[in-house]
N, C-alpha and C. Protein backbone atom coordinates (compact mmCIF):
# COMPACT_ATOMS: atom_id res chain seq x y z
N MET A 1 104.86 97.95 118.13
CA MET A 1 105.85 98.37 117.23
C MET A 1 106.26 99.62 117.51
N THR A 2 107.47 99.88 117.58
CA THR A 2 108.00 101.40 117.78
C THR A 2 108.80 101.72 116.46
N PHE A 3 108.27 102.70 115.63
CA PHE A 3 109.06 103.29 114.50
C PHE A 3 109.46 104.54 114.91
N SER A 4 111.11 104.74 114.60
CA SER A 4 111.73 105.81 115.18
C SER A 4 112.53 106.25 113.83
N THR A 5 112.36 107.67 113.53
CA THR A 5 113.20 108.35 112.71
C THR A 5 114.63 108.65 113.26
N VAL A 6 115.52 108.03 112.58
CA VAL A 6 117.00 108.21 113.01
C VAL A 6 117.66 109.43 112.47
N VAL A 7 117.37 109.58 111.07
CA VAL A 7 117.78 110.81 110.55
C VAL A 7 116.65 111.23 109.53
N GLY A 8 116.58 112.66 109.60
CA GLY A 8 115.66 113.08 108.45
C GLY A 8 114.50 113.56 109.05
N PRO A 9 113.35 114.06 108.47
CA PRO A 9 113.46 114.04 106.97
C PRO A 9 114.41 114.94 106.45
N ILE A 10 115.04 114.60 105.23
CA ILE A 10 115.96 115.44 104.40
C ILE A 10 115.28 115.82 103.21
N VAL A 11 115.32 117.08 102.93
CA VAL A 11 114.45 117.41 101.82
C VAL A 11 115.42 118.28 100.87
N GLU A 12 115.41 117.98 99.67
CA GLU A 12 116.21 118.71 98.83
C GLU A 12 115.64 118.71 97.39
N GLY A 13 115.18 119.88 97.11
CA GLY A 13 114.49 119.93 95.75
C GLY A 13 113.19 119.03 95.84
N ALA A 14 112.94 118.08 94.88
CA ALA A 14 111.68 117.37 94.81
C ALA A 14 111.94 116.04 95.63
N SER A 15 113.08 115.89 96.29
CA SER A 15 113.38 114.72 96.96
C SER A 15 113.30 114.75 98.41
N LEU A 16 112.98 113.63 99.12
CA LEU A 16 112.76 113.50 100.74
C LEU A 16 113.31 112.05 100.98
N ALA A 17 114.23 112.09 101.95
CA ALA A 17 115.02 110.90 102.56
C ALA A 17 114.85 110.79 103.90
N GLY A 18 114.81 109.82 104.48
CA GLY A 18 115.11 109.60 105.95
C GLY A 18 115.56 108.04 106.30
N HIS A 19 116.14 108.04 107.40
CA HIS A 19 116.61 106.55 107.90
C HIS A 19 115.85 106.47 109.33
N TRP A 20 115.47 105.05 109.33
CA TRP A 20 114.46 104.76 110.26
C TRP A 20 114.89 103.43 111.00
N THR A 21 114.32 103.21 112.21
CA THR A 21 114.66 102.01 112.80
C THR A 21 113.25 101.53 113.46
N VAL A 22 112.91 100.26 113.37
CA VAL A 22 111.56 99.56 113.89
C VAL A 22 112.05 98.51 114.92
N THR A 23 111.42 98.57 115.96
CA THR A 23 111.43 97.42 116.97
C THR A 23 110.16 97.06 117.29
N GLY A 24 109.87 95.60 117.30
CA GLY A 24 108.56 95.13 117.45
C GLY A 24 108.66 93.72 117.86
N THR A 25 107.53 93.17 118.26
CA THR A 25 107.42 91.92 118.75
C THR A 25 107.00 90.75 117.68
N TYR A 26 107.70 89.75 117.57
CA TYR A 26 107.45 88.80 116.73
C TYR A 26 106.17 87.88 116.99
N GLU A 27 105.12 88.12 116.23
CA GLU A 27 103.99 87.27 116.65
C GLU A 27 103.99 85.88 116.10
N GLY A 28 104.77 85.47 115.32
CA GLY A 28 104.86 84.03 114.79
C GLY A 28 104.28 84.05 113.44
N GLY A 29 104.58 83.01 112.69
CA GLY A 29 103.81 82.77 111.28
C GLY A 29 104.77 82.92 110.15
N TYR A 30 105.94 83.37 110.38
CA TYR A 30 106.95 83.49 109.07
C TYR A 30 107.34 82.29 108.65
N PRO A 31 107.22 81.80 107.53
CA PRO A 31 107.77 80.43 107.06
C PRO A 31 109.03 80.23 107.36
N GLY A 32 109.62 79.19 107.85
CA GLY A 32 111.08 78.93 108.26
C GLY A 32 111.62 79.48 109.41
N ALA A 33 110.84 80.45 110.13
CA ALA A 33 111.40 81.21 111.35
C ALA A 33 111.52 80.04 112.39
N THR A 34 112.45 80.26 113.14
CA THR A 34 112.76 79.59 114.33
C THR A 34 112.54 80.33 115.50
N ALA A 35 112.43 81.62 115.58
CA ALA A 35 112.09 82.44 116.67
C ALA A 35 110.85 82.10 117.28
N ALA A 36 110.69 82.19 118.56
CA ALA A 36 109.54 81.92 119.19
C ALA A 36 108.67 83.25 119.19
N PRO A 37 107.38 82.98 119.13
CA PRO A 37 106.42 84.29 119.36
C PRO A 37 106.74 85.09 120.50
N GLY A 38 106.81 86.28 120.42
CA GLY A 38 107.21 87.03 121.50
C GLY A 38 108.64 87.59 121.62
N ALA A 39 109.47 87.20 120.66
CA ALA A 39 110.80 87.49 120.44
C ALA A 39 110.73 89.06 119.97
N ILE A 40 111.60 89.94 120.54
CA ILE A 40 111.77 91.23 120.28
C ILE A 40 112.77 91.29 118.94
N VAL A 41 112.31 92.16 117.98
CA VAL A 41 113.31 92.29 116.80
C VAL A 41 113.46 93.77 116.45
N THR A 42 114.48 94.08 115.92
CA THR A 42 114.77 95.40 115.57
C THR A 42 115.49 95.35 114.20
N PHE A 43 115.23 96.25 113.32
CA PHE A 43 115.93 96.36 112.01
C PHE A 43 115.65 97.94 111.59
N SER A 44 116.43 98.21 110.56
CA SER A 44 116.40 99.66 110.15
C SER A 44 116.44 99.68 108.58
N GLY A 45 116.14 100.81 108.15
CA GLY A 45 116.14 101.12 106.74
C GLY A 45 116.07 102.63 106.29
N THR A 46 116.27 102.73 105.03
CA THR A 46 116.24 104.13 104.54
C THR A 46 115.15 104.34 103.44
N ASP A 47 114.38 105.46 103.46
CA ASP A 47 113.30 105.72 102.39
C ASP A 47 113.77 106.94 101.65
N VAL A 48 113.54 106.82 100.42
CA VAL A 48 113.90 108.06 99.44
C VAL A 48 112.63 108.10 98.64
N LEU A 49 112.04 109.40 98.64
CA LEU A 49 110.77 109.73 97.91
C LEU A 49 111.08 110.81 96.81
N ARG A 50 110.28 110.89 95.69
CA ARG A 50 110.33 111.95 94.78
C ARG A 50 108.93 112.41 94.85
N ILE A 51 108.74 113.76 95.09
CA ILE A 51 107.38 114.27 95.05
C ILE A 51 107.10 115.17 93.85
N GLU A 52 106.06 114.84 93.31
CA GLU A 52 105.74 115.71 92.03
C GLU A 52 104.17 116.19 92.11
N GLU A 53 103.95 117.29 92.20
CA GLU A 53 102.71 118.09 92.11
C GLU A 53 101.96 117.53 93.61
N GLY A 54 102.77 117.59 94.61
CA GLY A 54 102.35 117.38 96.01
C GLY A 54 101.90 115.78 96.24
N LYS A 55 102.43 114.99 95.18
CA LYS A 55 102.08 113.61 95.45
C LYS A 55 103.44 112.92 95.34
N ILE A 56 103.49 111.73 95.95
CA ILE A 56 104.55 110.76 95.74
C ILE A 56 104.57 110.17 94.43
N ALA A 57 105.64 110.47 93.51
CA ALA A 57 105.71 109.99 92.18
C ALA A 57 106.64 108.75 92.30
N GLU A 58 107.60 108.70 93.07
CA GLU A 58 108.51 107.65 93.05
C GLU A 58 109.02 107.18 94.63
N TYR A 59 109.08 105.98 94.88
CA TYR A 59 109.39 105.72 96.33
C TYR A 59 110.28 104.38 96.28
N TRP A 60 111.49 104.61 97.04
CA TRP A 60 112.52 103.63 96.93
C TRP A 60 112.68 103.28 98.52
N MET A 61 112.84 101.96 98.81
CA MET A 61 113.20 101.56 100.19
C MET A 61 114.22 100.49 100.26
N VAL A 62 115.14 100.73 101.24
CA VAL A 62 116.27 99.82 101.49
C VAL A 62 116.09 99.44 103.04
N ALA A 63 116.02 98.13 103.42
CA ALA A 63 115.73 97.90 104.58
C ALA A 63 116.82 96.64 104.79
N ASP A 64 117.16 96.77 106.10
CA ASP A 64 118.17 95.54 106.56
C ASP A 64 117.49 94.24 106.80
N THR A 65 117.11 93.67 105.78
CA THR A 65 116.29 92.36 105.89
C THR A 65 117.14 91.34 106.24
N PRO A 66 118.28 91.14 105.90
CA PRO A 66 119.26 90.17 106.47
C PRO A 66 119.27 90.00 107.92
N SER A 67 119.35 91.23 108.62
CA SER A 67 119.35 91.20 110.05
C SER A 67 118.15 90.87 110.60
N LEU A 68 116.85 91.24 110.00
CA LEU A 68 115.64 90.79 110.46
C LEU A 68 115.62 89.33 110.36
N MET A 69 115.99 88.69 109.22
CA MET A 69 115.70 87.30 109.11
C MET A 69 116.76 86.44 110.07
N ALA A 70 117.98 86.99 110.33
CA ALA A 70 118.71 86.52 111.26
C ALA A 70 118.14 86.33 112.71
N GLN A 71 117.49 87.32 113.14
CA GLN A 71 116.72 87.42 114.34
C GLN A 71 115.55 86.50 114.34
N LEU A 72 114.99 86.33 113.20
CA LEU A 72 113.72 85.42 113.25
C LEU A 72 114.17 83.90 113.22
N GLY A 73 115.66 83.71 112.90
CA GLY A 73 116.22 82.63 112.80
C GLY A 73 115.90 81.88 111.54
N VAL A 74 115.67 82.63 110.36
CA VAL A 74 115.34 81.96 109.10
C VAL A 74 116.61 81.69 108.31
N ASN A 75 117.09 80.62 107.86
CA ASN A 75 118.20 80.15 107.11
C ASN A 75 118.05 80.77 105.66
N THR A 76 118.80 81.62 105.38
CA THR A 76 118.87 82.17 103.97
C THR A 76 120.04 81.61 103.14
N PRO A 77 119.91 81.44 101.92
CA PRO A 77 121.01 80.87 100.97
C PRO A 77 122.02 82.04 100.84
């Protein structure tokens, strides 16, 4: 798996944000997936964290899960 930071980290006050992309090899086992093991998949997302006293106090993540599911061949409603 390759994890790449596309933008960031961006720091403003107690907030930290970054946009990333992951590329990896599907190993199989996801319920409903029609992709064959060995398929290469890529998806991206954004993380936002709030730091308080040197520790992560809050964490939000938004990932392009629909793109990942489409690459795995999972039918979603």
